Amino acid sequence: MTKAMFEPHRITGFRALHDNVVVTDMPFSERKLNSGIVLLNDNGTGSGIRPRWAEVYAVGPEQHDVQVGQWICVAHGRWTRGVEVDDGVLRTIRKVDIKDILLVSDEPVQDDTISDAINSASKTY
């Protein structure tokens, strides 16, 4: 039996290098605001241009600003594409640009961020 081309990587001993920060649980699907309003998936649209929260999965030994298990808010687009890994739980991990970490929280944060970006596809000239 051959292995699937895009099967998740199996990881047993994962660690970040230098001052790198690796995150998981960065949402790109629909969101429910505290008010109960459901915002549809805005990924890839003008309204999807906003910072996102993610859980810190691993930090390098030179990283002293954030710790594993904390939640960070990262400026829009300042993360890598996701890599699916299976360390007992299927996850998507991403490396973030440490210069663009905006906020840190010890608890998960409800993402009520709404973009004020203009959707150029809906403009009429």
PDB file of N, CA and C in Angstrom:
ATOM      1  N   MET A   1       0.857  -1.175   0.000  1.00  0.00           N
ATOM      2  CA  MET A   1       0.000   0.000   0.000  1.00  0.00           C
ATOM      3  C   MET A   1       0.898   1.231   0.000  1.00  0.00           C
ATOM      4  N   THR A   2       0.635   2.187  -0.881  1.00  0.00           N
ATOM      5  CA  THR A   2       1.458   3.385  -0.946  1.00  0.00           C
ATOM      6  C   THR A   2       0.888   4.477  -0.063  1.00  0.00           C
ATOM      7  N   LYS A   3       1.768   5.329   0.393  1.00  0.00           N
ATOM      8  CA  LYS A   3       1.396   6.438   1.260  1.00  0.00           C
ATOM      9  C   LYS A   3       0.728   7.532   0.432  1.00  0.00           C
ATOM     10  N   ALA A   4      -0.316   8.163   0.971  1.00  0.00           N
ATOM     11  CA  ALA A   4      -0.988   9.255   0.274  1.00  0.00           C
ATOM     12  C   ALA A   4      -0.018  10.415   0.087  1.00  0.00           C
ATOM     13  N   MET A   5      -0.160  11.113  -1.018  1.00  0.00           N
ATOM     14  CA  MET A   5       0.783  12.178  -1.343  1.00  0.00           C
ATOM     15  C   MET A   5       0.809  13.288  -0.293  1.00  0.00           C
ATOM     16  N   PHE A   6      -0.343  13.676   0.242  1.00  0.00           N
ATOM     17  CA  PHE A   6      -0.402  14.784   1.176  1.00  0.00           C
ATOM     18  C   PHE A   6      -0.833  14.343   2.569  1.00  0.00           C
ATOM     19  N   GLU A   7      -0.417  13.187   2.964  1.00  0.00           N
ATOM     20  CA  GLU A   7      -0.733  12.689   4.292  1.00  0.00           C
ATOM     21  C   GLU A   7      -0.019  13.548   5.337  1.00  0.00           C
ATOM     22  N   PRO A   8      -0.651  13.809   6.490  1.00  0.00           N
ATOM     23  CA  PRO A   8       0.005  14.613   7.524  1.00  0.00           C
ATOM     24  C   PRO A   8       1.331  13.998   7.960  1.00  0.00           C
ATOM     25  N   HIS A   9       2.276  14.849   8.296  1.00  0.00           N
ATOM     26  CA  HIS A   9       3.566  14.395   8.801  1.00  0.00           C
ATOM     27  C   HIS A   9       3.383  13.856  10.217  1.00  0.00           C
ATOM     28  N   ARG A  10       4.025  12.760  10.518  1.00  0.00           N
ATOM     29  CA  ARG A  10       3.981  12.222  11.880  1.00  0.00           C
ATOM     30  C   ARG A  10       5.166  12.785  12.642  1.00  0.00           C
ATOM     31  N   ILE A  11       4.893  13.425  13.764  1.00  0.00           N
ATOM     32  CA  ILE A  11       5.949  14.087  14.529  1.00  0.00           C
ATOM     33  C   ILE A  11       6.002  13.492  15.930  1.00  0.00           C
ATOM     34  N   THR A  12       7.208  13.187  16.384  1.00  0.00           N
ATOM     35  CA  THR A  12       7.364  12.704  17.760  1.00  0.00           C
ATOM     36  C   THR A  12       8.187  13.671  18.603  1.00  0.00           C
ATOM     37  N   GLY A  13       9.237  14.245  18.062  1.00  0.00           N
ATOM     38  CA  GLY A  13      10.072  15.170  18.822  1.00  0.00           C
ATOM     39  C   GLY A  13      10.201  16.498  18.107  1.00  0.00           C
ATOM     40  N   PHE A  14       9.301  17.415  18.380  1.00  0.00           N
ATOM     41  CA  PHE A  14       9.250  18.685  17.674  1.00  0.00           C
ATOM     42  C   PHE A  14       9.727  19.793  18.595  1.00  0.00           C
ATOM     43  N   ARG A  15      10.638  20.653  18.073  1.00  0.00           N
ATOM     44  CA  ARG A  15      11.039  21.828  18.839  1.00  0.00           C
ATOM     45  C   ARG A  15      11.361  22.955  17.877  1.00  0.00           C
ATOM     46  N   ALA A  16      11.063  24.159  18.299  1.00  0.00           N
ATOM     47  CA  ALA A  16      11.370  25.335  17.488  1.00  0.00           C
ATOM     48  C   ALA A  16      12.813  25.744  17.752  1.00  0.00           C
ATOM     49  N   LEU A  17      13.434  26.386  16.782  1.00  0.00           N
ATOM     50  CA  LEU A  17      14.815  26.827  16.906  1.00  0.00           C
ATOM     51  C   LEU A  17      14.891  28.329  17.178  1.00  0.00           C
ATOM     52  N   HIS A  18      16.006  28.750  17.747  1.00  0.00           N
ATOM     53  CA  HIS A  18      16.323  30.161  18.000  1.00  0.00           C
ATOM     54  C   HIS A  18      15.195  30.846  18.761  1.00  0.00           C
ATOM     55  N   ASP A  19      14.658  31.945  18.206  1.00  0.00           N
ATOM     56  CA  ASP A  19      13.560  32.645  18.883  1.00  0.00           C
ATOM     57  C   ASP A  19      12.235  32.474  18.129  1.00  0.00           C
ATOM     58  N   ASN A  20      12.132  31.419  17.331  1.00  0.00           N
ATOM     59  CA  ASN A  20      10.935  31.176  16.531  1.00  0.00           C
ATOM     60  C   ASN A  20       9.730  30.819  17.388  1.00  0.00           C
ATOM     61  N   VAL A  21       8.555  31.145  16.857  1.00  0.00           N
ATOM     62  CA  VAL A  21       7.285  30.815  17.507  1.00  0.00           C
ATOM     63  C   VAL A  21       6.436  30.054  16.498  1.00  0.00           C
ATOM     64  N   VAL A  22       5.954  28.885  16.897  1.00  0.00           N
ATOM     65  CA  VAL A  22       5.089  28.046  16.062  1.00  0.00           C
ATOM     66  C   VAL A  22       3.729  27.985  16.746  1.00  0.00           C
ATOM     67  N   VAL A  23       2.662  28.176  15.952  1.00  0.00           N
ATOM     68  CA  VAL A  23       1.314  28.215  16.518  1.00  0.00           C
ATOM     69  C   VAL A  23       0.427  27.161  15.872  1.00  0.00           C
ATOM     70  N   THR A  24      -0.713  26.940  16.509  1.00  0.00           N
ATOM     71  CA  THR A  24      -1.753  26.064  15.990  1.00  0.00           C
ATOM     72  C   THR A  24      -3.092  26.718  16.305  1.00  0.00           C
ATOM     73  N   ASP A  25      -4.159  26.136  15.841  1.00  0.00           N
ATOM     74  CA  ASP A  25      -5.524  26.635  16.098  1.00  0.00           C
ATOM     75  C   ASP A  25      -5.743  28.057  15.614  1.00  0.00           C
ATOM     76  N   MET A  26      -5.186  28.411  14.450  1.00  0.00           N
ATOM     77  CA  MET A  26      -5.460  29.723  13.854  1.00  0.00           C
ATOM     78  C   MET A  26      -6.701  29.564  12.978  1.00  0.00           C
ATOM     79  N   PRO A  27      -7.806  30.214  13.353  1.00  0.00           N
ATOM     80  CA  PRO A  27      -9.068  29.987  12.633  1.00  0.00           C
ATOM     81  C   PRO A  27      -9.139  30.726  11.299  1.00  0.00           C
ATOM     82  N   PHE A  28      -9.632  30.023  10.287  1.00  0.00           N
ATOM     83  CA  PHE A  28      -9.862  30.619   8.971  1.00  0.00           C
ATOM     84  C   PHE A  28     -11.281  30.345   8.487  1.00  0.00           C
ATOM     85  N   SER A  29     -12.121  29.762   9.330  1.00  0.00           N
ATOM     86  CA  SER A  29     -13.490  29.432   8.923  1.00  0.00           C
ATOM     87  C   SER A  29     -14.442  30.480   9.501  1.00  0.00           C
ATOM     88  N   GLU A  30     -15.732  30.188   9.441  1.00  0.00           N
ATOM     89  CA  GLU A  30     -16.710  31.141   9.977  1.00  0.00           C
ATOM     90  C   GLU A  30     -16.502  31.330  11.474  1.00  0.00           C
ATOM     91  N   ARG A  31     -16.943  32.494  11.975  1.00  0.00           N
ATOM     92  CA  ARG A  31     -16.786  32.818  13.392  1.00  0.00           C
ATOM     93  C   ARG A  31     -18.123  33.256  13.977  1.00  0.00           C
ATOM     94  N   LYS A  32     -18.289  33.014  15.262  1.00  0.00           N
ATOM     95  CA  LYS A  32     -19.480  33.484  15.962  1.00  0.00           C
ATOM     96  C   LYS A  32     -19.030  34.547  16.957  1.00  0.00           C
ATOM     97  N   LEU A  33     -19.560  35.759  16.819  1.00  0.00           N
ATOM     98  CA  LEU A  33     -19.195  36.855  17.707  1.00  0.00           C
ATOM     99  C   LEU A  33     -19.867  36.684  19.068  1.00  0.00           C
ATOM    100  N   ASN A  34     -19.380  37.403  20.064  1.00  0.00           N
ATOM    101  CA  ASN A  34     -19.994  37.361  21.388  1.00  0.00           C
ATOM    102  C   ASN A  34     -21.469  37.751  21.329  1.00  0.00           C
ATOM    103  N   SER A  35     -21.839  38.595  20.374  1.00  0.00           N
ATOM    104  CA  SER A  35     -23.224  39.039  20.227  1.00  0.00           C
ATOM    105  C   SER A  35     -24.124  37.957  19.638  1.00  0.00           C
ATOM    106  N   GLY A  36     -23.525  36.859  19.137  1.00  0.00           N
ATOM    107  CA  GLY A  36     -24.293  35.786  18.533  1.00  0.00           C
ATOM    108  C   GLY A  36     -24.333  35.852  17.020  1.00  0.00           C
ATOM    109  N   ILE A  37     -23.837  36.927  16.442  1.00  0.00           N
ATOM    110  CA  ILE A  37     -23.806  37.070  14.984  1.00  0.00           C
ATOM    111  C   ILE A  37     -22.769  36.110  14.419  1.00  0.00           C
ATOM    112  N   VAL A  38     -23.133  35.410  13.352  1.00  0.00           N
ATOM    113  CA  VAL A  38     -22.213  34.491  12.693  1.00  0.00           C
ATOM    114  C   VAL A  38     -21.644  35.182  11.458  1.00  0.00           C
ATOM    115  N   LEU A  39     -20.312  35.281  11.406  1.00  0.00           N
ATOM    116  CA  LEU A  39     -19.637  35.843  10.237  1.00  0.00           C
ATOM    117  C   LEU A  39     -19.171  34.681   9.378  1.00  0.00           C
ATOM    118  N   LEU A  40     -19.527  34.711   8.105  1.00  0.00           N
ATOM    119  CA  LEU A  40     -19.138  33.639   7.197  1.00  0.00           C
ATOM    120  C   LEU A  40     -17.630  33.632   6.998  1.00  0.00           C
ATOM    121  N   ASN A  41     -17.121  32.548   6.460  1.00  0.00           N
ATOM    122  CA  ASN A  41     -15.703  32.416   6.168  1.00  0.00           C
ATOM    123  C   ASN A  41     -15.278  33.572   5.274  1.00  0.00           C
ATOM    124  N   ASP A  42     -14.328  34.388   5.760  1.00  0.00           N
ATOM    125  CA  ASP A  42     -13.883  35.550   4.991  1.00  0.00           C
ATOM    126  C   ASP A  42     -12.458  35.392   4.487  1.00  0.00           C
ATOM    127  N   ASN A  43     -11.903  34.201   4.598  1.00  0.00           N
ATOM    128  CA  ASN A  43     -10.539  33.973   4.158  1.00  0.00           C
ATOM    129  C   ASN A  43     -10.433  34.178   2.649  1.00  0.00           C
ATOM    130  N   GLY A  44      -9.446  34.939   2.231  1.00  0.00           N
ATOM    131  CA  GLY A  44      -9.236  35.185   0.815  1.00  0.00           C
ATOM    132  C   GLY A  44     -10.048  36.345   0.263  1.00  0.00           C
ATOM    133  N   THR A  45     -10.760  37.051   1.132  1.00  0.00           N
ATOM    134  CA  THR A  45     -11.529  38.217   0.701  1.00  0.00           C
ATOM    135  C   THR A  45     -10.979  39.464   1.374  1.00  0.00           C
ATOM    136  N   GLY A  46     -11.413  40.622   0.923  1.00  0.00           N
ATOM    137  CA  GLY A  46     -10.973  41.874   1.532  1.00  0.00           C
ATOM    138  C   GLY A  46     -11.349  41.959   3.002  1.00  0.00           C
ATOM    139  N   SER A  47     -12.522  41.429   3.361  1.00  0.00           N
ATOM    140  CA  SER A  47     -12.946  41.489   4.760  1.00  0.00           C
ATOM    141  C   SER A  47     -12.164  40.522   5.643  1.00  0.00           C
ATOM    142  N   GLY A  48     -11.384  39.635   5.024  1.00  0.00           N
ATOM    143  CA  GLY A  48     -10.565  38.702   5.795  1.00  0.00           C
ATOM    144  C   GLY A  48      -9.222  39.285   6.185  1.00  0.00           C
ATOM    145  N   ILE A  49      -8.976  40.536   5.816  1.00  0.00           N
ATOM    146  CA  ILE A  49      -7.717  41.190   6.167  1.00  0.00           C
ATOM    147  C   ILE A  49      -7.847  41.707   7.589  1.00  0.00           C
ATOM    148  N   ARG A  50      -7.335  40.941   8.513  1.00  0.00           N
ATOM    149  CA  ARG A  50      -7.416  41.280   9.936  1.00  0.00           C
ATOM    150  C   ARG A  50      -6.419  40.422  10.695  1.00  0.00           C
ATOM    151  N   PRO A  51      -6.033  40.863  11.884  1.00  0.00           N
ATOM    152  CA  PRO A  51      -5.154  40.010  12.695  1.00  0.00           C
ATOM    153  C   PRO A  51      -5.914  38.764  13.146  1.00  0.00           C
ATOM    154  N   ARG A  52      -5.165  37.725  13.496  1.00  0.00           N
ATOM    155  CA  ARG A  52      -5.797  36.476  13.947  1.00  0.00           C
ATOM    156  C   ARG A  52      -5.121  35.977  15.220  1.00  0.00           C
ATOM    157  N   TRP A  53      -5.913  35.310  16.032  1.00  0.00           N
ATOM    158  CA  TRP A  53      -5.423  34.696  17.261  1.00  0.00           C
ATOM    159  C   TRP A  53      -5.016  33.256  16.982  1.00  0.00           C
ATOM    160  N   ALA A  54      -4.000  32.782  17.704  1.00  0.00           N
ATOM    161  CA  ALA A  54      -3.563  31.393  17.587  1.00  0.00           C
ATOM    162  C   ALA A  54      -2.929  30.964  18.897  1.00  0.00           C
ATOM    163  N   GLU A  55      -2.925  29.665  19.138  1.00  0.00           N
ATOM    164  CA  GLU A  55      -2.310  29.123  20.352  1.00  0.00           C
ATOM    165  C   GLU A  55      -0.843  28.791  20.077  1.00  0.00           C
ATOM    166  N   VAL A  56       0.019  29.172  20.999  1.00  0.00           N
ATOM    167  CA  VAL A  56       1.454  28.899  20.849  1.00  0.00           C
ATOM    168  C   VAL A  56       1.685  27.409  21.070  1.00  0.00           C
ATOM    169  N   TYR A  57       2.268  26.762  20.075  1.00  0.00           N
ATOM    170  CA  TYR A  57       2.509  25.318  20.092  1.00  0.00           C
ATOM    171  C   TYR A  57       3.942  25.004  20.511  1.00  0.00           C
ATOM    172  N   ALA A  58       4.906  25.822  20.058  1.00  0.00           N
ATOM    173  CA  ALA A  58       6.319  25.606  20.393  1.00  0.00           C
ATOM    174  C   ALA A  58       7.058  26.932  20.294  1.00  0.00           C
ATOM    175  N   VAL A  59       8.064  27.105  21.132  1.00  0.00           N
ATOM    176  CA  VAL A  59       8.916  28.293  21.074  1.00  0.00           C
ATOM    177  C   VAL A  59      10.372  27.860  21.124  1.00  0.00           C
ATOM    178  N   GLY A  60      11.211  28.642  20.467  1.00  0.00           N
ATOM    179  CA  GLY A  60      12.642  28.369  20.493  1.00  0.00           C
ATOM    180  C   GLY A  60      13.253  28.752  21.830  1.00  0.00           C
ATOM    181  N   PRO A  61      14.452  28.257  22.134  1.00  0.00           N
ATOM    182  CA  PRO A  61      15.085  28.508  23.432  1.00  0.00           C
ATOM    183  C   PRO A  61      15.457  29.978  23.662  1.00  0.00           C
ATOM    184  N   GLU A  62      15.545  30.770  22.595  1.00  0.00           N
ATOM    185  CA  GLU A  62      15.886  32.184  22.747  1.00  0.00           C
ATOM    186  C   GLU A  62      14.649  33.079  22.808  1.00  0.00           C
ATOM    187  N   GLN A  63      13.470  32.496  22.784  1.00  0.00           N
ATOM    188  CA  GLN A  63      12.222  33.262  22.824  1.00  0.00           C
ATOM    189  C   GLN A  63      11.801  33.454  24.276  1.00  0.00           C
ATOM    190  N   HIS A  64      11.698  34.701  24.713  1.00  0.00           N
ATOM    191  CA  HIS A  64      11.372  34.991  26.112  1.00  0.00           C
ATOM    192  C   HIS A  64      10.078  35.791  26.269  1.00  0.00           C
ATOM    193  N   ASP A  65       9.414  36.123  25.154  1.00  0.00           N
ATOM    194  CA  ASP A  65       8.208  36.942  25.229  1.00  0.00           C
ATOM    195  C   ASP A  65       6.926  36.131  25.345  1.00  0.00           C
ATOM    196  N   VAL A  66       6.902  34.942  24.761  1.00  0.00           N
ATOM    197  CA  VAL A  66       5.701  34.107  24.818  1.00  0.00           C
ATOM    198  C   VAL A  66       6.078  32.697  25.248  1.00  0.00           C
ATOM    199  N   GLN A  67       5.075  31.976  25.765  1.00  0.00           N
ATOM    200  CA  GLN A  67       5.299  30.609  26.234  1.00  0.00           C
ATOM    201  C   GLN A  67       4.291  29.667  25.576  1.00  0.00           C
ATOM    202  N   VAL A  68       4.639  28.404  25.528  1.00  0.00           N
ATOM    203  CA  VAL A  68       3.740  27.381  24.992  1.00  0.00           C
ATOM    204  C   VAL A  68       2.437  27.410  25.794  1.00  0.00           C
ATOM    205  N   GLY A  69       1.318  27.356  25.078  1.00  0.00           N
ATOM    206  CA  GLY A  69       0.002  27.360  25.712  1.00  0.00           C
ATOM    207  C   GLY A  69      -0.641  28.729  25.751  1.00  0.00           C
ATOM    208  N   GLN A  70       0.118  29.791  25.571  1.00  0.00           N
ATOM    209  CA  GLN A  70      -0.465  31.122  25.535  1.00  0.00           C
ATOM    210  C   GLN A  70      -1.137  31.345  24.182  1.00  0.00           C
ATOM    211  N   TRP A  71      -1.950  32.382  24.089  1.00  0.00           N
ATOM    212  CA  TRP A  71      -2.623  32.768  22.854  1.00  0.00           C
ATOM    213  C   TRP A  71      -2.033  34.089  22.402  1.00  0.00           C
ATOM    214  N   ILE A  72      -1.734  34.189  21.099  1.00  0.00           N
ATOM    215  CA  ILE A  72      -1.164  35.420  20.579  1.00  0.00           C
ATOM    216  C   ILE A  72      -1.999  35.926  19.406  1.00  0.00           C
ATOM    217  N   CYS A  73      -2.033  37.239  19.266  1.00  0.00           N
ATOM    218  CA  CYS A  73      -2.688  37.883  18.138  1.00  0.00           C
ATOM    219  C   CYS A  73      -1.582  38.316  17.183  1.00  0.00           C
ATOM    220  N   VAL A  74      -1.684  37.893  15.930  1.00  0.00           N
ATOM    221  CA  VAL A  74      -0.639  38.131  14.932  1.00  0.00           C
ATOM    222  C   VAL A  74      -1.205  39.011  13.824  1.00  0.00           C
ATOM    223  N   ALA A  75      -0.426  40.015  13.408  1.00  0.00           N
ATOM    224  CA  ALA A  75      -0.841  40.903  12.324  1.00  0.00           C
ATOM    225  C   ALA A  75      -1.164  40.092  11.072  1.00  0.00           C
ATOM    226  N   HIS A  76      -2.097  40.591  10.284  1.00  0.00           N
ATOM    227  CA  HIS A  76      -2.572  39.862   9.106  1.00  0.00           C
ATOM    228  C   HIS A  76      -1.432  39.441   8.177  1.00  0.00           C
ATOM    229  N   GLY A  77      -1.459  38.172   7.812  1.00  0.00           N
ATOM    230  CA  GLY A  77      -0.529  37.648   6.821  1.00  0.00           C
ATOM    231  C   GLY A  77       0.879  37.417   7.305  1.00  0.00           C
ATOM    232  N   ARG A  78       1.138  37.566   8.574  1.00  0.00           N
ATOM    233  CA  ARG A  78       2.489  37.428   9.104  1.00  0.00           C
ATOM    234  C   ARG A  78       2.714  36.034   9.674  1.00  0.00           C
ATOM    235  N   TRP A  79       2.258  35.042   8.930  1.00  0.00           N
ATOM    236  CA  TRP A  79       2.424  33.642   9.283  1.00  0.00           C
ATOM    237  C   TRP A  79       2.674  32.852   8.006  1.00  0.00           C
ATOM    238  N   THR A  80       3.241  31.660   8.165  1.00  0.00           N
ATOM    239  CA  THR A  80       3.505  30.811   7.009  1.00  0.00           C
ATOM    240  C   THR A  80       2.262  30.011   6.649  1.00  0.00           C
ATOM    241  N   ARG A  81       2.319  29.357   5.517  1.00  0.00           N
ATOM    242  CA  ARG A  81       1.252  28.420   5.178  1.00  0.00           C
ATOM    243  C   ARG A  81       1.271  27.305   6.205  1.00  0.00           C
ATOM    244  N   GLY A  82       0.130  26.671   6.394  1.00  0.00           N
ATOM    245  CA  GLY A  82       0.037  25.623   7.395  1.00  0.00           C
ATOM    246  C   GLY A  82       0.608  24.300   6.929  1.00  0.00           C
ATOM    247  N   VAL A  83       1.140  23.556   7.879  1.00  0.00           N
ATOM    248  CA  VAL A  83       1.626  22.205   7.655  1.00  0.00           C
ATOM    249  C   VAL A  83       0.844  21.297   8.592  1.00  0.00           C
ATOM    250  N   GLU A  84       0.200  20.281   8.039  1.00  0.00           N
ATOM    251  CA  GLU A  84      -0.549  19.351   8.884  1.00  0.00           C
ATOM    252  C   GLU A  84       0.409  18.367   9.519  1.00  0.00           C
ATOM    253  N   VAL A  85       0.299  18.226  10.837  1.00  0.00           N
ATOM    254  CA  VAL A  85       1.113  17.269  11.572  1.00  0.00           C
ATOM    255  C   VAL A  85       0.197  16.410  12.443  1.00  0.00           C
ATOM    256  N   ASP A  86       0.680  15.243  12.772  1.00  0.00           N
ATOM    257  CA  ASP A  86      -0.071  14.333  13.626  1.00  0.00           C
ATOM    258  C   ASP A  86       0.843  13.904  14.757  1.00  0.00           C
ATOM    259  N   ASP A  87       0.642  14.496  15.929  1.00  0.00           N
ATOM    260  CA  ASP A  87       1.408  14.125  17.118  1.00  0.00           C
ATOM    261  C   ASP A  87       0.492  13.423  18.119  1.00  0.00           C
ATOM    262  N   GLY A  88      -0.456  12.685  17.586  1.00  0.00           N
ATOM    263  CA  GLY A  88      -1.494  12.063  18.395  1.00  0.00           C
ATOM    264  C   GLY A  88      -2.822  12.781  18.159  1.00  0.00           C
ATOM    265  N   VAL A  89      -2.727  14.058  17.782  1.00  0.00           N
ATOM    266  CA  VAL A  89      -3.873  14.877  17.405  1.00  0.00           C
ATOM    267  C   VAL A  89      -3.516  15.541  16.084  1.00  0.00           C
ATOM    268  N   LEU A  90      -4.442  15.510  15.131  1.00  0.00           N
ATOM    269  CA  LEU A  90      -4.189  16.146  13.840  1.00  0.00           C
ATOM    270  C   LEU A  90      -4.278  17.652  14.005  1.00  0.00           C
ATOM    271  N   ARG A  91      -3.207  18.377  13.654  1.00  0.00           N
ATOM    272  CA  ARG A  91      -3.138  19.822  13.808  1.00  0.00           C
ATOM    273  C   ARG A  91      -2.546  20.456  12.561  1.00  0.00           C
ATOM    274  N   THR A  92      -2.811  21.745  12.412  1.00  0.00           N
ATOM    275  CA  THR A  92      -2.129  22.538  11.401  1.00  0.00           C
ATOM    276  C   THR A  92      -1.245  23.521  12.150  1.00  0.00           C
ATOM    277  N   ILE A  93       0.054  23.481  11.867  1.00  0.00           N
ATOM    278  CA  ILE A  93       0.975  24.393  12.544  1.00  0.00           C
ATOM    279  C   ILE A  93       1.487  25.425  11.548  1.00  0.00           C
ATOM    280  N   ARG A  94       1.846  26.598  12.076  1.00  0.00           N
ATOM    281  CA  ARG A  94       2.379  27.695  11.276  1.00  0.00           C
ATOM    282  C   ARG A  94       3.452  28.420  12.075  1.00  0.00           C
ATOM    283  N   LYS A  95       4.452  28.925  11.394  1.00  0.00           N
ATOM    284  CA  LYS A  95       5.460  29.779  12.028  1.00  0.00           C
ATOM    285  C   LYS A  95       4.984  31.214  11.856  1.00  0.00           C
ATOM    286  N   VAL A  96       5.071  32.006  12.933  1.00  0.00           N
ATOM    287  CA  VAL A  96       4.664  33.406  12.850  1.00  0.00           C
ATOM    288  C   VAL A  96       5.892  34.307  12.890  1.00  0.00           C
ATOM    289  N   ASP A  97       5.742  35.489  12.326  1.00  0.00           N
ATOM    290  CA  ASP A  97       6.791  36.501  12.377  1.00  0.00           C
ATOM    291  C   ASP A  97       6.759  37.121  13.768  1.00  0.00           C
ATOM    292  N   ILE A  98       7.810  36.928  14.539  1.00  0.00           N
ATOM    293  CA  ILE A  98       7.789  37.377  15.941  1.00  0.00           C
ATOM    294  C   ILE A  98       7.694  38.890  16.067  1.00  0.00           C
ATOM    295  N   LYS A  99       8.094  39.626  15.053  1.00  0.00           N
ATOM    296  CA  LYS A  99       8.005  41.090  15.092  1.00  0.00           C
ATOM    297  C   LYS A  99       6.563  41.565  14.944  1.00  0.00           C
ATOM    298  N   ASP A 100       5.679  40.678  14.502  1.00  0.00           N
ATOM    299  CA  ASP A 100       4.288  41.053  14.275  1.00  0.00           C
ATOM    300  C   ASP A 100       3.313  40.398  15.247  1.00  0.00           C
ATOM    301  N   ILE A 101       3.811  40.001  16.414  1.00  0.00           N
ATOM    302  CA  ILE A 101       2.933  39.544  17.492  1.00  0.00           C
ATOM    303  C   ILE A 101       2.406  40.798  18.170  1.00  0.00           C
ATOM    304  N   LEU A 102       1.086  40.990  18.144  1.00  0.00           N
ATOM    305  CA  LEU A 102       0.478  42.211  18.648  1.00  0.00           C
ATOM    306  C   LEU A 102       0.070  42.129  20.111  1.00  0.00           C
ATOM    307  N   LEU A 103      -0.482  40.980  20.516  1.00  0.00           N
ATOM    308  CA  LEU A 103      -1.011  40.808  21.866  1.00  0.00           C
ATOM    309  C   LEU A 103      -0.736  39.394  22.347  1.00  0.00           C
ATOM    310  N   VAL A 104      -0.696  39.223  23.657  1.00  0.00           N
ATOM    311  CA  VAL A 104      -0.512  37.906  24.275  1.00  0.00           C
ATOM    312  C   VAL A 104      -1.566  37.734  25.358  1.00  0.00           C
ATOM    313  N   SER A 105      -2.155  36.544  25.450  1.00  0.00           N
ATOM    314  CA  SER A 105      -3.147  36.240  26.471  1.00  0.00           C
ATOM    315  C   SER A 105      -2.894  34.839  27.007  1.00  0.00           C
ATOM    316  N   ASP A 106      -3.192  34.636  28.281  1.00  0.00           N
ATOM    317  CA  ASP A 106      -3.066  33.305  28.867  1.00  0.00           C
ATOM    318  C   ASP A 106      -4.311  32.458  28.624  1.00  0.00           C
ATOM    319  N   GLU A 107      -5.399  33.090  28.208  1.00  0.00           N
ATOM    320  CA  GLU A 107      -6.662  32.404  27.972  1.00  0.00           C
ATOM    321  C   GLU A 107      -7.050  32.535  26.503  1.00  0.00           C
ATOM    322  N   PRO A 108      -7.814  31.582  25.963  1.00  0.00           N
ATOM    323  CA  PRO A 108      -8.313  31.735  24.592  1.00  0.00           C
ATOM    324  C   PRO A 108      -9.133  33.022  24.485  1.00  0.00           C
ATOM    325  N   VAL A 109      -9.052  33.684  23.353  1.00  0.00           N
ATOM    326  CA  VAL A 109      -9.712  34.966  23.156  1.00  0.00           C
ATOM    327  C   VAL A 109     -10.797  34.822  22.093  1.00  0.00           C
ATOM    328  N   GLN A 110     -11.991  35.357  22.393  1.00  0.00           N
ATOM    329  CA  GLN A 110     -13.074  35.395  21.410  1.00  0.00           C
ATOM    330  C   GLN A 110     -12.701  36.420  20.355  1.00  0.00           C
ATOM    331  N   ASP A 111     -12.609  36.012  19.106  1.00  0.00           N
ATOM    332  CA  ASP A 111     -12.192  36.900  18.031  1.00  0.00           C
ATOM    333  C   ASP A 111     -13.396  37.661  17.488  1.00  0.00           C
ATOM    334  N   ASP A 112     -13.592  38.884  17.994  1.00  0.00           N
ATOM    335  CA  ASP A 112     -14.675  39.749  17.522  1.00  0.00           C
ATOM    336  C   ASP A 112     -14.151  40.802  16.554  1.00  0.00           C
ATOM    337  N   THR A 113     -12.973  40.554  15.987  1.00  0.00           N
ATOM    338  CA  THR A 113     -12.371  41.503  15.065  1.00  0.00           C
ATOM    339  C   THR A 113     -13.160  41.528  13.766  1.00  0.00           C
ATOM    340  N   ILE A 114     -13.531  42.729  13.352  1.00  0.00           N
ATOM    341  CA  ILE A 114     -14.210  42.901  12.074  1.00  0.00           C
ATOM    342  C   ILE A 114     -13.346  43.833  11.249  1.00  0.00           C
ATOM    343  N   SER A 115     -13.056  43.438  10.039  1.00  0.00           N
ATOM    344  CA  SER A 115     -12.195  44.224   9.163  1.00  0.00           C
ATOM    345  C   SER A 115     -12.941  45.424   8.608  1.00  0.00           C
ATOM    346  N   ASP A 116     -12.204  46.510   8.431  1.00  0.00           N
ATOM    347  CA  ASP A 116     -12.789  47.663   7.757  1.00  0.00           C
ATOM    348  C   ASP A 116     -12.214  47.798   6.342  1.00  0.00           C
ATOM    349  N   ALA A 117     -11.612  46.708   5.857  1.00  0.00           N
ATOM    350  CA  ALA A 117     -11.062  46.707   4.501  1.00  0.00           C
ATOM    351  C   ALA A 117     -12.194  46.813   3.489  1.00  0.00           C
ATOM    352  N   ILE A 118     -11.910  47.432   2.387  1.00  0.00           N
ATOM    353  CA  ILE A 118     -12.906  47.607   1.338  1.00  0.00           C
ATOM    354  C   ILE A 118     -12.800  46.448   0.361  1.00  0.00           C
ATOM    355  N   ASN A 119     -13.914  45.839   0.065  1.00  0.00           N
ATOM    356  CA  ASN A 119     -13.935  44.744  -0.905  1.00  0.00           C
ATOM    357  C   ASN A 119     -13.969  45.348  -2.296  1.00  0.00           C
ATOM    358  N   SER A 120     -12.835  45.344  -2.967  1.00  0.00           N
ATOM    359  CA  SER A 120     -12.733  45.994  -4.271  1.00  0.00           C
ATOM    360  C   SER A 120     -13.594  45.310  -5.337  1.00  0.00           C
ATOM    361  N   ALA A 121     -13.966  44.066  -5.130  1.00  0.00           N
ATOM    362  CA  ALA A 121     -14.781  43.353  -6.108  1.00  0.00           C
ATOM    363  C   ALA A 121     -16.204  43.919  -6.161  1.00  0.00           C
ATOM    364  N   SER A 122     -16.643  44.573  -5.091  1.00  0.00           N
ATOM    365  CA  SER A 122     -18.012  45.076  -5.059  1.00  0.00           C
ATOM    366  C   SER A 122     -18.116  46.538  -5.488  1.00  0.00           C
ATOM    367  N   LYS A 123     -16.990  47.171  -5.787  1.00  0.00           N
ATOM    368  CA  LYS A 123     -17.019  48.566  -6.216  1.00  0.00           C
ATOM    369  C   LYS A 123     -17.570  48.676  -7.644  1.00  0.00           C
ATOM    370  N   THR A 124     -18.316  49.725  -7.871  1.00  0.00           N
ATOM    371  CA  THR A 124     -18.757  50.024  -9.220  1.00  0.00           C
ATOM    372  C   THR A 124     -18.147  51.354  -9.624  1.00  0.00           C
ATOM    373  N   TYR A 125     -17.729  51.442 -10.852  1.00  0.00           N
ATOM    374  CA  TYR A 125     -17.070  52.663 -11.329  1.00  0.00           C
ATOM    375  C   TYR A 125     -17.916  53.371 -12.351  1.00  0.00           C
TER     376      TYR A 125
END
